[in-house]
């Protein structure tokens, strides 16, 4: 069991390192020094590059990572930035989840069937497990496309990557403050 803990920690540290590497590349690709940015623009740029870096650590292998990239490319002005960031570390998945058209004709059969089943389950029985599952589907990017087992697996993977993102950002912030760049 002790070896498994070491392996898990090694994997976690690799995820954290890969996130940091991707995030720094993304921030360089954004190159905010070219123009004056408001605080709100900086915040959005940092968030966007962090989301893309986190998704890129999974190389499009999970639904949540493809959904994060899809969400980032909804805004036309962000789409160019996303491509520039992804090009910076030579990754752009071919199977990014696309937003369905308003008339729903482009929805896959799986999604349409899932929506029908969701409506039937919601109308027929509202128990605590189903409510919590729906809440979880809303929290995990792309969660509405997943069934129960897949949702749990993707959620666990997503939480590990979120934790790595938070730890990496805390480390950078602590280093930034300890170097005296910010008044305490």
N, C-alpha and C. Protein backbone atom coordinates (compact mmCIF):
# COMPACT_ATOMS: atom_id res chain seq x y z
N UNK A 1 0.83 -1.20 0.00
CA UNK A 1 0.00 0.00 0.00
C UNK A 1 0.87 1.25 0.00
N UNK A 2 1.98 1.19 0.69
CA UNK A 2 2.88 2.34 0.75
C UNK A 2 3.40 2.70 -0.65
N UNK A 3 3.69 1.67 -1.48
CA UNK A 3 4.16 1.92 -2.84
C UNK A 3 3.08 2.60 -3.68
N UNK A 4 1.82 2.22 -3.48
CA UNK A 4 0.73 2.86 -4.21
C UNK A 4 0.62 4.34 -3.87
N UNK A 5 0.83 4.66 -2.59
CA UNK A 5 0.79 6.07 -2.18
C UNK A 5 1.90 6.86 -2.86
N UNK A 6 3.09 6.27 -2.95
CA UNK A 6 4.20 6.93 -3.63
C UNK A 6 3.91 7.12 -5.11
N UNK A 7 3.32 6.09 -5.73
CA UNK A 7 2.97 6.20 -7.15
C UNK A 7 1.93 7.29 -7.37
N UNK A 8 0.92 7.34 -6.49
CA UNK A 8 -0.11 8.37 -6.61
C UNK A 8 0.50 9.76 -6.44
N UNK A 9 1.41 9.91 -5.48
CA UNK A 9 2.05 11.20 -5.27
C UNK A 9 2.93 11.58 -6.46
N UNK A 10 3.63 10.59 -7.02
CA UNK A 10 4.45 10.85 -8.20
C UNK A 10 3.58 11.30 -9.37
N UNK A 11 2.45 10.62 -9.58
CA UNK A 11 1.53 11.01 -10.66
C UNK A 11 0.98 12.42 -10.42
N UNK A 12 0.62 12.69 -9.17
CA UNK A 12 0.09 14.01 -8.82
C UNK A 12 1.14 15.10 -9.09
N UNK A 13 2.37 14.84 -8.69
CA UNK A 13 3.44 15.82 -8.93
C UNK A 13 3.69 16.01 -10.42
N UNK A 14 3.58 14.93 -11.20
CA UNK A 14 3.74 15.05 -12.65
C UNK A 14 2.62 15.90 -13.24
N UNK A 15 1.38 15.69 -12.77
CA UNK A 15 0.25 16.50 -13.24
C UNK A 15 0.49 17.97 -12.90
N UNK A 16 0.94 18.23 -11.69
CA UNK A 16 1.21 19.59 -11.24
C UNK A 16 2.30 20.24 -12.08
N UNK A 17 3.38 19.50 -12.34
CA UNK A 17 4.47 20.03 -13.16
C UNK A 17 4.02 20.30 -14.59
N UNK A 18 3.24 19.37 -15.15
CA UNK A 18 2.74 19.55 -16.51
C UNK A 18 1.81 20.75 -16.59
N UNK A 19 0.95 20.90 -15.57
CA UNK A 19 0.07 22.06 -15.55
C UNK A 19 0.88 23.36 -15.52
N UNK A 20 1.88 23.43 -14.62
CA UNK A 20 2.71 24.64 -14.52
C UNK A 20 3.40 24.95 -15.84
N UNK A 21 3.94 23.93 -16.47
CA UNK A 21 4.62 24.10 -17.75
C UNK A 21 3.65 24.64 -18.81
N UNK A 22 2.49 24.01 -18.90
CA UNK A 22 1.48 24.46 -19.88
C UNK A 22 0.96 25.85 -19.56
N UNK A 23 0.75 26.12 -18.28
CA UNK A 23 0.22 27.42 -17.88
C UNK A 23 1.20 28.55 -18.21
N UNK A 24 2.47 28.32 -17.93
CA UNK A 24 3.48 29.33 -18.24
C UNK A 24 3.56 29.57 -19.74
N UNK A 25 3.51 28.49 -20.51
CA UNK A 25 3.50 28.64 -21.98
C UNK A 25 2.28 29.43 -22.43
N UNK A 26 1.14 29.14 -21.81
CA UNK A 26 -0.08 29.86 -22.16
C UNK A 26 -0.01 31.33 -21.82
N UNK A 27 0.55 31.64 -20.66
CA UNK A 27 0.68 33.05 -20.27
C UNK A 27 1.64 33.79 -21.20
N UNK A 28 2.71 33.12 -21.60
CA UNK A 28 3.64 33.73 -22.56
C UNK A 28 2.93 33.94 -23.90
N UNK A 29 2.11 32.98 -24.31
CA UNK A 29 1.38 33.11 -25.58
C UNK A 29 0.39 34.27 -25.53
N UNK A 30 -0.20 34.50 -24.35
CA UNK A 30 -1.13 35.62 -24.20
C UNK A 30 -0.40 36.94 -24.28
N UNK A 31 0.84 36.95 -23.81
CA UNK A 31 1.72 38.11 -23.83
C UNK A 31 1.00 39.40 -23.46
N UNK A 32 0.53 39.52 -22.22
CA UNK A 32 -0.22 40.70 -21.82
C UNK A 32 0.60 41.99 -21.82
N UNK A 33 1.93 41.87 -21.95
CA UNK A 33 2.75 43.08 -21.93
C UNK A 33 2.64 43.88 -23.23
N UNK A 34 2.04 43.30 -24.27
CA UNK A 34 1.91 44.02 -25.53
C UNK A 34 0.92 45.18 -25.45
N UNK A 35 -0.02 45.09 -24.55
CA UNK A 35 -1.00 46.16 -24.42
C UNK A 35 -1.42 46.31 -22.97
N UNK A 36 -1.97 47.45 -22.67
CA UNK A 36 -2.44 47.69 -21.31
C UNK A 36 -3.74 46.91 -21.11
N UNK A 37 -3.81 46.19 -19.99
CA UNK A 37 -4.99 45.38 -19.69
C UNK A 37 -5.60 45.85 -18.38
N UNK A 38 -6.91 45.81 -18.34
CA UNK A 38 -7.59 46.11 -17.08
C UNK A 38 -7.44 44.91 -16.15
N UNK A 39 -7.77 45.11 -14.89
CA UNK A 39 -7.71 44.01 -13.92
C UNK A 39 -8.62 42.88 -14.36
N UNK A 40 -9.80 43.21 -14.85
CA UNK A 40 -10.76 42.20 -15.29
C UNK A 40 -10.20 41.40 -16.48
N UNK A 41 -9.56 42.09 -17.43
CA UNK A 41 -8.98 41.40 -18.58
C UNK A 41 -7.84 40.48 -18.15
N UNK A 42 -7.02 40.94 -17.21
CA UNK A 42 -5.94 40.10 -16.71
C UNK A 42 -6.49 38.86 -16.02
N UNK A 43 -7.52 39.06 -15.21
CA UNK A 43 -8.14 37.94 -14.50
C UNK A 43 -8.68 36.91 -15.50
N UNK A 44 -9.38 37.39 -16.52
CA UNK A 44 -9.94 36.48 -17.52
C UNK A 44 -8.84 35.76 -18.29
N UNK A 45 -7.77 36.48 -18.61
CA UNK A 45 -6.65 35.87 -19.33
C UNK A 45 -5.97 34.80 -18.50
N UNK A 46 -5.76 35.07 -17.22
CA UNK A 46 -5.14 34.09 -16.33
C UNK A 46 -6.04 32.87 -16.19
N UNK A 47 -7.33 33.10 -16.01
CA UNK A 47 -8.30 32.00 -15.87
C UNK A 47 -8.36 31.17 -17.15
N UNK A 48 -8.42 31.84 -18.29
CA UNK A 48 -8.48 31.14 -19.57
C UNK A 48 -7.23 30.30 -19.78
N UNK A 49 -6.06 30.89 -19.55
CA UNK A 49 -4.83 30.13 -19.76
C UNK A 49 -4.72 28.98 -18.76
N UNK A 50 -5.21 29.16 -17.54
CA UNK A 50 -5.18 28.07 -16.55
C UNK A 50 -6.12 26.94 -16.96
N UNK A 51 -7.31 27.27 -17.44
CA UNK A 51 -8.25 26.24 -17.89
C UNK A 51 -7.68 25.46 -19.08
N UNK A 52 -7.10 26.18 -20.01
CA UNK A 52 -6.55 25.53 -21.19
C UNK A 52 -5.35 24.66 -20.80
N UNK A 53 -4.51 25.16 -19.91
CA UNK A 53 -3.36 24.39 -19.45
C UNK A 53 -3.81 23.11 -18.75
N UNK A 54 -4.85 23.22 -17.93
CA UNK A 54 -5.34 22.05 -17.22
C UNK A 54 -5.91 21.03 -18.22
N UNK A 55 -6.66 21.51 -19.20
CA UNK A 55 -7.21 20.61 -20.21
C UNK A 55 -6.11 19.98 -21.04
N UNK A 56 -5.09 20.75 -21.34
CA UNK A 56 -3.99 20.23 -22.17
C UNK A 56 -3.17 19.18 -21.44
N UNK A 57 -3.16 19.19 -20.11
CA UNK A 57 -2.43 18.15 -19.39
C UNK A 57 -3.05 16.78 -19.63
N UNK A 58 -4.31 16.75 -19.98
CA UNK A 58 -4.99 15.49 -20.29
C UNK A 58 -4.99 15.18 -21.78
N UNK A 59 -4.49 16.10 -22.59
CA UNK A 59 -4.38 15.91 -24.05
C UNK A 59 -5.69 15.48 -24.70
N UNK A 60 -6.79 15.97 -24.18
CA UNK A 60 -8.10 15.65 -24.76
C UNK A 60 -8.56 14.23 -24.49
N UNK A 61 -7.93 13.56 -23.52
CA UNK A 61 -8.27 12.17 -23.23
C UNK A 61 -9.56 12.03 -22.41
N UNK A 62 -10.03 13.12 -21.83
CA UNK A 62 -11.23 13.05 -21.01
C UNK A 62 -12.30 13.99 -21.56
N UNK A 63 -13.53 13.70 -21.21
CA UNK A 63 -14.63 14.54 -21.66
C UNK A 63 -14.52 15.93 -21.04
N UNK A 64 -14.14 16.00 -19.76
CA UNK A 64 -14.07 17.31 -19.10
C UNK A 64 -13.01 18.20 -19.74
N UNK A 65 -11.89 17.61 -20.18
CA UNK A 65 -10.85 18.44 -20.80
C UNK A 65 -11.30 18.98 -22.15
N UNK A 66 -12.01 18.16 -22.92
CA UNK A 66 -12.54 18.64 -24.21
C UNK A 66 -13.64 19.68 -23.99
N UNK A 67 -14.43 19.48 -22.94
CA UNK A 67 -15.50 20.45 -22.64
C UNK A 67 -14.91 21.80 -22.20
N UNK A 68 -13.83 21.78 -21.43
CA UNK A 68 -13.18 23.03 -21.03
C UNK A 68 -12.69 23.80 -22.26
N UNK A 69 -12.08 23.07 -23.19
CA UNK A 69 -11.60 23.72 -24.41
C UNK A 69 -12.77 24.24 -25.24
N UNK A 70 -13.84 23.48 -25.28
CA UNK A 70 -15.01 23.92 -26.02
C UNK A 70 -15.60 25.19 -25.42
N UNK A 71 -15.70 25.21 -24.09
CA UNK A 71 -16.23 26.38 -23.40
C UNK A 71 -15.36 27.60 -23.66
N UNK A 72 -14.05 27.39 -23.73
CA UNK A 72 -13.12 28.49 -23.95
C UNK A 72 -13.22 29.06 -25.36
N UNK A 73 -13.66 28.25 -26.32
CA UNK A 73 -13.71 28.71 -27.70
C UNK A 73 -15.08 29.24 -28.12
N UNK A 74 -16.01 29.34 -27.19
CA UNK A 74 -17.34 29.85 -27.52
C UNK A 74 -17.26 31.32 -27.94
N UNK A 75 -16.52 32.11 -27.19
CA UNK A 75 -16.34 33.53 -27.48
C UNK A 75 -15.37 33.67 -28.65
N UNK A 76 -15.78 34.39 -29.69
CA UNK A 76 -14.96 34.54 -30.89
C UNK A 76 -13.61 35.18 -30.60
N UNK A 77 -13.59 36.18 -29.75
CA UNK A 77 -12.32 36.84 -29.44
C UNK A 77 -11.39 35.91 -28.67
N UNK A 78 -11.95 35.03 -27.87
CA UNK A 78 -11.13 34.08 -27.11
C UNK A 78 -10.64 32.94 -27.99
N UNK A 79 -11.39 32.63 -29.05
CA UNK A 79 -11.03 31.51 -29.91
C UNK A 79 -9.61 31.67 -30.47
N UNK A 80 -9.28 32.87 -30.92
CA UNK A 80 -7.93 33.11 -31.46
C UNK A 80 -6.87 32.96 -30.38
N UNK A 81 -7.19 33.46 -29.20
CA UNK A 81 -6.27 33.35 -28.08
C UNK A 81 -6.06 31.89 -27.70
N UNK A 82 -7.13 31.12 -27.67
CA UNK A 82 -7.04 29.70 -27.34
C UNK A 82 -6.16 28.99 -28.36
N UNK A 83 -6.35 29.26 -29.63
CA UNK A 83 -5.53 28.63 -30.66
C UNK A 83 -4.06 29.01 -30.52
N UNK A 84 -3.82 30.28 -30.19
CA UNK A 84 -2.44 30.74 -30.02
C UNK A 84 -1.80 30.03 -28.83
N UNK A 85 -2.55 29.88 -27.75
CA UNK A 85 -2.02 29.20 -26.57
C UNK A 85 -1.77 27.73 -26.88
N UNK A 86 -2.73 27.06 -27.50
CA UNK A 86 -2.59 25.64 -27.80
C UNK A 86 -1.46 25.39 -28.79
N UNK A 87 -1.30 26.28 -29.74
CA UNK A 87 -0.23 26.15 -30.71
C UNK A 87 1.13 26.27 -30.02
N UNK A 88 1.16 27.08 -28.95
CA UNK A 88 2.41 27.30 -28.23
C UNK A 88 2.96 25.99 -27.68
N UNK A 89 2.09 25.09 -27.23
CA UNK A 89 2.59 23.80 -26.79
C UNK A 89 2.08 22.67 -27.66
N UNK A 90 1.88 22.99 -28.92
CA UNK A 90 1.61 22.03 -30.00
C UNK A 90 0.54 21.01 -29.65
N UNK A 91 -0.56 21.51 -29.19
CA UNK A 91 -1.66 20.60 -28.87
C UNK A 91 -2.96 21.27 -29.29
N UNK A 92 -3.72 20.59 -30.08
CA UNK A 92 -5.07 21.04 -30.37
C UNK A 92 -5.89 19.80 -30.69
N UNK A 93 -6.77 19.42 -29.80
CA UNK A 93 -7.51 18.18 -30.02
C UNK A 93 -8.46 18.29 -31.20
N UNK A 94 -8.61 17.20 -31.91
CA UNK A 94 -9.52 17.18 -33.06
C UNK A 94 -10.95 16.98 -32.62
N UNK A 95 -11.13 16.42 -31.45
CA UNK A 95 -12.48 16.06 -31.01
C UNK A 95 -12.98 16.96 -29.87
N UNK A 96 -12.78 18.26 -30.02
CA UNK A 96 -13.32 19.20 -29.04
C UNK A 96 -14.83 19.16 -29.12
N UNK A 97 -15.49 19.19 -27.98
CA UNK A 97 -16.94 19.15 -27.94
C UNK A 97 -17.48 20.46 -28.49
N UNK A 98 -18.32 20.39 -29.47
CA UNK A 98 -18.90 21.59 -30.07
C UNK A 98 -20.27 21.87 -29.46
N UNK A 99 -20.60 23.13 -29.37
CA UNK A 99 -21.91 23.52 -28.87
C UNK A 99 -22.98 23.13 -29.88
N UNK A 100 -24.09 22.59 -29.44
CA UNK A 100 -25.15 22.24 -30.38
C UNK A 100 -25.83 23.49 -30.92
N UNK A 101 -26.40 23.36 -32.11
CA UNK A 101 -27.12 24.48 -32.68
C UNK A 101 -28.41 24.69 -31.90
N UNK A 102 -29.03 25.83 -32.08
CA UNK A 102 -30.22 26.16 -31.29
C UNK A 102 -31.39 25.23 -31.59
N UNK A 103 -31.48 24.76 -32.82
CA UNK A 103 -32.61 23.89 -33.14
C UNK A 103 -32.37 22.44 -32.71
N UNK A 104 -31.16 22.14 -32.25
CA UNK A 104 -30.88 20.82 -31.71
C UNK A 104 -30.63 19.75 -32.74
N UNK A 105 -30.64 20.11 -34.03
CA UNK A 105 -30.48 19.10 -35.07
C UNK A 105 -29.09 18.49 -35.08
N UNK A 106 -28.09 19.19 -34.54
CA UNK A 106 -26.73 18.68 -34.56
C UNK A 106 -26.40 17.85 -33.33
N UNK A 107 -27.34 17.66 -32.45
CA UNK A 107 -27.08 16.87 -31.26
C UNK A 107 -26.91 15.41 -31.63
N UNK A 108 -25.98 14.75 -30.99
CA UNK A 108 -25.79 13.33 -31.26
C UNK A 108 -26.97 12.54 -30.68
N UNK A 109 -27.12 11.33 -31.17
CA UNK A 109 -28.20 10.47 -30.67
C UNK A 109 -28.03 10.21 -29.18
N UNK A 110 -26.78 10.06 -28.74
CA UNK A 110 -26.50 9.79 -27.33
C UNK A 110 -26.98 10.95 -26.46
N UNK A 111 -26.72 12.18 -26.89
CA UNK A 111 -27.12 13.34 -26.11
C UNK A 111 -28.64 13.47 -26.11
N UNK A 112 -29.27 13.29 -27.30
CA UNK A 112 -30.73 13.38 -27.38
C UNK A 112 -31.39 12.31 -26.50
N UNK A 113 -30.88 11.10 -26.56
CA UNK A 113 -31.43 10.02 -25.74
C UNK A 113 -31.24 10.35 -24.26
N UNK A 114 -30.07 10.88 -23.91
CA UNK A 114 -29.79 11.25 -22.53
C UNK A 114 -30.74 12.32 -22.03
N UNK A 115 -31.04 13.30 -22.90
CA UNK A 115 -31.98 14.36 -22.51
C UNK A 115 -33.37 13.81 -22.28
N UNK A 116 -33.82 12.90 -23.17
CA UNK A 116 -35.14 12.30 -23.00
C UNK A 116 -35.19 11.49 -21.70
N UNK A 117 -34.14 10.70 -21.47
CA UNK A 117 -34.11 9.90 -20.25
C UNK A 117 -34.06 10.79 -19.02
N UNK A 118 -33.32 11.90 -19.09
CA UNK A 118 -33.24 12.82 -17.95
C UNK A 118 -34.62 13.40 -17.64
N UNK A 119 -35.35 13.77 -18.69
CA UNK A 119 -36.69 14.34 -18.47
C UNK A 119 -37.63 13.31 -17.85
N UNK A 120 -37.55 12.08 -18.35
CA UNK A 120 -38.42 11.02 -17.82
C UNK A 120 -38.08 10.76 -16.35
N UNK A 121 -36.77 10.63 -16.05
CA UNK A 121 -36.36 10.38 -14.67
C UNK A 121 -36.73 11.54 -13.76
N UNK A 122 -36.54 12.76 -14.26
CA UNK A 122 -36.82 13.94 -13.45
C UNK A 122 -38.30 14.03 -13.13
N UNK A 123 -39.14 13.76 -14.14
CA UNK A 123 -40.58 13.83 -13.93
C UNK A 123 -41.08 12.66 -13.09
N UNK A 124 -40.49 11.47 -13.31
CA UNK A 124 -40.98 10.28 -12.65
C UNK A 124 -40.53 10.13 -11.21
N UNK A 125 -39.31 10.47 -10.91
CA UNK A 125 -38.81 10.24 -9.55
C UNK A 125 -37.70 11.22 -9.21
N UNK A 126 -37.93 11.97 -8.16
CA UNK A 126 -36.95 12.95 -7.71
C UNK A 126 -36.37 12.49 -6.37
N UNK A 127 -35.40 11.62 -6.44
CA UNK A 127 -34.77 11.21 -5.18
C UNK A 127 -33.44 11.94 -5.01
N UNK A 128 -32.88 11.81 -3.84
CA UNK A 128 -31.66 12.55 -3.49
C UNK A 128 -30.48 12.19 -4.38
N UNK A 129 -30.33 10.92 -4.72
CA UNK A 129 -29.21 10.50 -5.56
C UNK A 129 -29.25 11.15 -6.94
N UNK A 130 -30.43 11.17 -7.53
CA UNK A 130 -30.56 11.77 -8.86
C UNK A 130 -30.31 13.28 -8.82
N UNK A 131 -30.77 13.93 -7.77
CA UNK A 131 -30.53 15.37 -7.64
C UNK A 131 -29.03 15.65 -7.50
N UNK A 132 -28.36 14.83 -6.72
CA UNK A 132 -26.92 15.02 -6.53
C UNK A 132 -26.15 14.71 -7.80
N UNK A 133 -26.61 13.71 -8.53
CA UNK A 133 -25.98 13.38 -9.81
C UNK A 133 -26.12 14.54 -10.78
N UNK A 134 -27.29 15.14 -10.83
CA UNK A 134 -27.50 16.30 -11.70
C UNK A 134 -26.62 17.47 -11.27
N UNK A 135 -26.49 17.68 -9.97
CA UNK A 135 -25.63 18.75 -9.48
C UNK A 135 -24.18 18.49 -9.91
N UNK A 136 -23.74 17.25 -9.80
CA UNK A 136 -22.39 16.89 -10.19
C UNK A 136 -22.19 17.08 -11.70
N UNK A 137 -23.19 16.72 -12.47
CA UNK A 137 -23.10 16.91 -13.92
C UNK A 137 -22.96 18.38 -14.28
N UNK A 138 -23.55 19.26 -13.48
CA UNK A 138 -23.42 20.69 -13.73
C UNK A 138 -22.07 21.24 -13.28
N UNK A 139 -21.42 20.58 -12.34
CA UNK A 139 -20.13 21.05 -11.84
C UNK A 139 -18.96 20.63 -12.73
N UNK A 140 -19.02 19.43 -13.28
CA UNK A 140 -17.92 18.91 -14.09
C UNK A 140 -18.15 19.32 -15.54
N UNK A 141 -17.14 19.96 -16.17
CA UNK A 141 -17.30 20.33 -17.58
C UNK A 141 -17.63 19.11 -18.42
N UNK A 142 -18.67 19.21 -19.24
CA UNK A 142 -19.10 18.10 -20.08
C UNK A 142 -19.86 17.04 -19.33
N UNK A 143 -20.21 17.30 -18.07
CA UNK A 143 -20.88 16.31 -17.24
C UNK A 143 -22.23 15.86 -17.79
N UNK A 144 -22.90 16.75 -18.50
CA UNK A 144 -24.21 16.40 -19.06
C UNK A 144 -24.11 15.34 -20.14
N UNK A 145 -22.90 15.03 -20.63
CA UNK A 145 -22.71 14.01 -21.66
C UNK A 145 -22.37 12.64 -21.07
N UNK A 146 -22.28 12.55 -19.74
CA UNK A 146 -21.77 11.34 -19.11
C UNK A 146 -22.85 10.54 -18.41
N UNK A 147 -22.64 9.22 -18.39
CA UNK A 147 -23.50 8.35 -17.59
C UNK A 147 -22.89 8.25 -16.19
N UNK A 148 -23.50 7.48 -15.31
CA UNK A 148 -23.08 7.42 -13.91
C UNK A 148 -21.64 7.02 -13.68
N UNK A 149 -21.20 5.88 -14.24
CA UNK A 149 -19.84 5.39 -14.02
C UNK A 149 -18.82 6.36 -14.62
N UNK A 150 -19.08 6.80 -15.82
CA UNK A 150 -18.18 7.73 -16.49
C UNK A 150 -18.10 9.05 -15.71
N UNK A 151 -19.22 9.50 -15.19
CA UNK A 151 -19.26 10.75 -14.43
C UNK A 151 -18.37 10.66 -13.19
N UNK A 152 -18.42 9.53 -12.50
CA UNK A 152 -17.59 9.36 -11.29
C UNK A 152 -16.11 9.35 -11.67
N UNK A 153 -15.75 8.59 -12.70
CA UNK A 153 -14.35 8.51 -13.13
C UNK A 153 -13.83 9.88 -13.57
N UNK A 154 -14.62 10.57 -14.38
CA UNK A 154 -14.20 11.89 -14.88
C UNK A 154 -14.13 12.91 -13.74
N UNK A 155 -15.06 12.82 -12.80
CA UNK A 155 -15.05 13.74 -11.66
C UNK A 155 -13.79 13.56 -10.83
N UNK A 156 -13.43 12.31 -10.56
CA UNK A 156 -12.21 12.04 -9.79
C UNK A 156 -10.98 12.60 -10.50
N UNK A 157 -10.90 12.39 -11.80
CA UNK A 157 -9.78 12.91 -12.58
C UNK A 157 -9.77 14.44 -12.58
N UNK A 158 -10.95 15.03 -12.74
CA UNK A 158 -11.08 16.49 -12.77
C UNK A 158 -10.67 17.10 -11.43
N UNK A 159 -11.08 16.47 -10.33
CA UNK A 159 -10.74 16.99 -9.00
C UNK A 159 -9.23 16.94 -8.77
N UNK A 160 -8.58 15.86 -9.19
CA UNK A 160 -7.12 15.76 -9.06
C UNK A 160 -6.45 16.90 -9.82
N UNK A 161 -6.93 17.17 -11.03
CA UNK A 161 -6.34 18.24 -11.84
C UNK A 161 -6.65 19.62 -11.27
N UNK A 162 -7.83 19.80 -10.72
CA UNK A 162 -8.15 21.07 -10.06
C UNK A 162 -7.25 21.29 -8.85
N UNK A 163 -7.04 20.24 -8.07
CA UNK A 163 -6.17 20.36 -6.90
C UNK A 163 -4.75 20.70 -7.31
N UNK A 164 -4.27 20.10 -8.38
CA UNK A 164 -2.92 20.41 -8.88
C UNK A 164 -2.85 21.87 -9.33
N UNK A 165 -3.92 22.33 -9.98
CA UNK A 165 -3.97 23.72 -10.42
C UNK A 165 -3.92 24.67 -9.22
N UNK A 166 -4.71 24.40 -8.21
CA UNK A 166 -4.74 25.24 -7.01
C UNK A 166 -3.39 25.23 -6.31
N UNK A 167 -2.80 24.05 -6.15
CA UNK A 167 -1.49 23.96 -5.49
C UNK A 167 -0.42 24.72 -6.27
N UNK A 168 -0.44 24.59 -7.58
CA UNK A 168 0.54 25.30 -8.41
C UNK A 168 0.37 26.81 -8.28
N UNK A 169 -0.87 27.27 -8.30
CA UNK A 169 -1.13 28.72 -8.18
C UNK A 169 -0.75 29.23 -6.79
N UNK A 170 -1.00 28.42 -5.76
CA UNK A 170 -0.60 28.82 -4.40
C UNK A 170 0.92 28.93 -4.31
N UNK A 171 1.61 27.98 -4.90
CA UNK A 171 3.08 27.99 -4.88
C UNK A 171 3.61 29.24 -5.56
N UNK A 172 3.08 29.55 -6.73
CA UNK A 172 3.54 30.74 -7.46
C UNK A 172 3.23 32.00 -6.67
N UNK A 173 2.05 32.07 -6.10
CA UNK A 173 1.67 33.24 -5.31
C UNK A 173 2.57 33.40 -4.09
N UNK A 174 2.83 32.31 -3.38
CA UNK A 174 3.70 32.36 -2.21
C UNK A 174 5.12 32.79 -2.59
N UNK A 175 5.63 32.25 -3.71
CA UNK A 175 6.95 32.66 -4.17
C UNK A 175 6.97 34.13 -4.56
N UNK A 176 5.92 34.57 -5.20
CA UNK A 176 5.82 35.96 -5.64
C UNK A 176 5.82 36.90 -4.41
N UNK A 177 5.06 36.55 -3.39
CA UNK A 177 4.99 37.35 -2.18
C UNK A 177 6.30 37.31 -1.41
N UNK A 178 6.93 36.12 -1.32
CA UNK A 178 8.17 36.01 -0.57
C UNK A 178 9.34 36.76 -1.22
N UNK A 179 9.23 36.98 -2.52
CA UNK A 179 10.28 37.75 -3.23
C UNK A 179 10.09 39.24 -3.04
N UNK A 180 9.01 39.64 -2.39
CA UNK A 180 8.78 41.04 -2.12
C UNK A 180 8.09 41.80 -3.23
N UNK A 181 7.46 41.08 -4.18
CA UNK A 181 6.75 41.74 -5.27
C UNK A 181 5.42 42.33 -4.85
N UNK A 182 4.90 41.86 -3.73
CA UNK A 182 3.61 42.34 -3.24
C UNK A 182 3.78 42.77 -1.79
N UNK A 183 3.19 43.91 -1.44
CA UNK A 183 3.23 44.35 -0.05
C UNK A 183 2.31 43.47 0.76
N UNK A 184 2.79 43.03 1.92
CA UNK A 184 1.99 42.14 2.76
C UNK A 184 0.94 42.88 3.54
